[in-house]
Structures are given as structure tokens and as C-alpha cells.
């Protein structure tokens, strides 16, 4: 599926469009990976940080996944308690990593 980022506006508009996915715990950044701290730092500093390329690439990937129906919002999630526990644990991991940055 071709993706044209300009259809979604500028970088800030694309970031705003995917913020609910982060807020609802649908995006998880594993703390154990080398890129994680850089991604979290750049997201927290956006749009005033020294680099916005990682944030822009991430937002484009999320929009693409949403368009291809491989990423859903929380209202389309499983209501299985085990799934919800996993999402809440991931959210804690993300925010605990973000607060250390």
C-alpha cells in the first residue's frame, strides 16, 4: 500500500494523529533495546528537539499500520483480562522509561 505522508499534513499534525495510540498503550517501546531511550527522548522533546526524523518515521509507520488494518485503537482490542494485563504492563514500562529521560 503506497503511503504519502503529505496526505496527513506536516510532522506535527501526523504526531498529533497518532498520539492516542501511545496514550492508550497500543505502542510499546521495549526498554532493553538500544534505540528505545533515543526514541522516547525524541518523542518527549518533539517538536522542539534537535532531531525529529525518528518521530516522523515512527508516526508514518503507525499511520501506515492503521491504514492497512494491522493496528487498531483500544476500542477494537480484545477484552481478555490477560491481554489487558499485558497492555497495562507495557504502558508502565513505557512511562517509567520516559520519566527517566
Protein backbone atom coordinates (compact mmCIF):
# COMPACT_ATOMS: atom_id res chain seq x y z
CA UNK A 1 0.00 0.00 0.00
CA UNK A 2 1.63 3.28 -1.07
CA UNK A 3 1.95 5.88 1.67
CA UNK A 4 2.00 9.61 1.05
CA UNK A 5 2.81 11.42 4.33
CA UNK A 6 1.66 14.77 2.93
CA UNK A 7 -1.92 13.45 2.95
CA UNK A 8 -1.67 13.61 6.75
CA UNK A 9 -0.30 17.15 6.95
CA UNK A 10 3.02 18.19 8.42
CA UNK A 11 5.10 16.35 11.02
CA UNK A 12 3.27 17.89 13.97
CA UNK A 13 -0.14 17.00 12.54
CA UNK A 14 0.98 13.40 11.98
CA UNK A 15 2.32 13.20 15.55
CA UNK A 16 -0.99 14.50 16.88
CA UNK A 17 -2.86 11.94 14.77
CA UNK A 18 -1.05 9.01 16.42
CA UNK A 19 -0.82 10.34 19.99
CA UNK A 20 -3.92 8.33 21.07
CA UNK A 21 -2.11 5.11 20.18
CA UNK A 22 0.66 5.96 22.65
CA UNK A 23 -1.81 7.23 25.23
CA UNK A 24 -3.91 4.03 25.02
CA UNK A 25 -0.90 1.76 25.37
CA UNK A 26 -1.07 0.44 21.81
CA UNK A 27 2.55 1.40 21.10
CA UNK A 28 5.23 -0.25 23.19
CA UNK A 29 8.91 0.57 23.25
CA UNK A 30 10.97 -2.22 24.83
CA UNK A 31 13.42 -0.80 27.36
CA UNK A 32 16.01 -3.46 26.56
CA UNK A 33 16.66 -2.22 23.02
CA UNK A 34 19.41 0.30 22.22
CA UNK A 35 17.09 2.56 20.22
CA UNK A 36 14.44 2.81 22.94
CA UNK A 37 15.90 5.63 25.02
CA UNK A 38 16.62 7.68 21.89
CA UNK A 39 13.07 7.19 20.55
CA UNK A 40 11.47 8.09 23.88
CA UNK A 41 13.73 11.14 24.30
CA UNK A 42 12.97 12.37 20.78
CA UNK A 43 9.21 11.86 21.28
CA UNK A 44 9.26 13.78 24.55
CA UNK A 45 11.22 16.66 23.00
CA UNK A 46 9.18 16.83 19.78
CA UNK A 47 8.78 19.26 18.03
CA UNK A 48 11.42 21.32 19.84
CA UNK A 49 14.22 18.73 19.98
CA UNK A 50 17.35 18.72 17.90
CA UNK A 51 16.05 15.93 15.66
CA UNK A 52 12.57 14.97 14.55
CA UNK A 53 13.39 12.31 11.97
CA UNK A 54 12.79 9.35 14.29
CA UNK A 55 9.47 10.78 15.46
CA UNK A 56 8.38 11.45 11.90
CA UNK A 57 9.35 7.96 10.76
CA UNK A 58 7.53 6.44 13.74
CA UNK A 59 4.35 8.42 13.09
CA UNK A 60 4.39 7.45 9.41
CA UNK A 61 4.78 3.78 10.34
CA UNK A 62 1.87 3.97 12.80
CA UNK A 63 -0.37 5.68 10.24
CA UNK A 64 0.59 3.06 7.65
CA UNK A 65 -0.22 0.25 10.09
CA UNK A 66 -3.54 1.89 10.87
CA UNK A 67 -4.37 2.21 7.15
CA UNK A 68 -3.53 -1.44 6.50
CA UNK A 69 -5.65 -2.52 9.47
CA UNK A 70 -2.74 -4.07 11.36
CA UNK A 71 -3.03 -1.62 14.27
CA UNK A 72 -6.30 -0.95 16.00
CA UNK A 73 -7.43 1.50 18.63
CA UNK A 74 -8.28 0.39 22.13
CA UNK A 75 -12.00 0.09 21.43
CA UNK A 76 -11.23 -2.70 18.97
CA UNK A 77 -8.99 -4.61 21.37
CA UNK A 78 -9.59 -7.92 22.99
CA UNK A 79 -11.30 -7.70 26.35
CA UNK A 80 -9.45 -10.77 27.59
CA UNK A 81 -8.05 -9.95 31.07
CA UNK A 82 -4.65 -11.42 30.15
CA UNK A 83 -4.42 -9.12 27.11
CA UNK A 84 -5.35 -6.12 29.24
CA UNK A 85 -2.72 -7.03 31.87
CA UNK A 86 -0.07 -7.19 29.14
CA UNK A 87 -1.10 -3.76 27.79
CA UNK A 88 -1.06 -2.18 31.24
CA UNK A 89 2.37 -3.66 31.95
CA UNK A 90 3.69 -2.31 28.64
CA UNK A 91 2.23 1.12 29.41
CA UNK A 92 4.00 1.12 32.81
CA UNK A 93 7.25 0.12 31.11
CA UNK A 94 6.93 2.93 28.56
CA UNK A 95 6.09 5.63 31.08
CA UNK A 96 8.71 4.52 33.57
CA UNK A 97 11.32 4.71 30.80
CA UNK A 98 10.01 8.09 29.65
CA UNK A 99 10.16 9.58 33.14
CA UNK A 100 13.85 8.67 33.45
CA UNK A 101 14.76 10.57 30.28
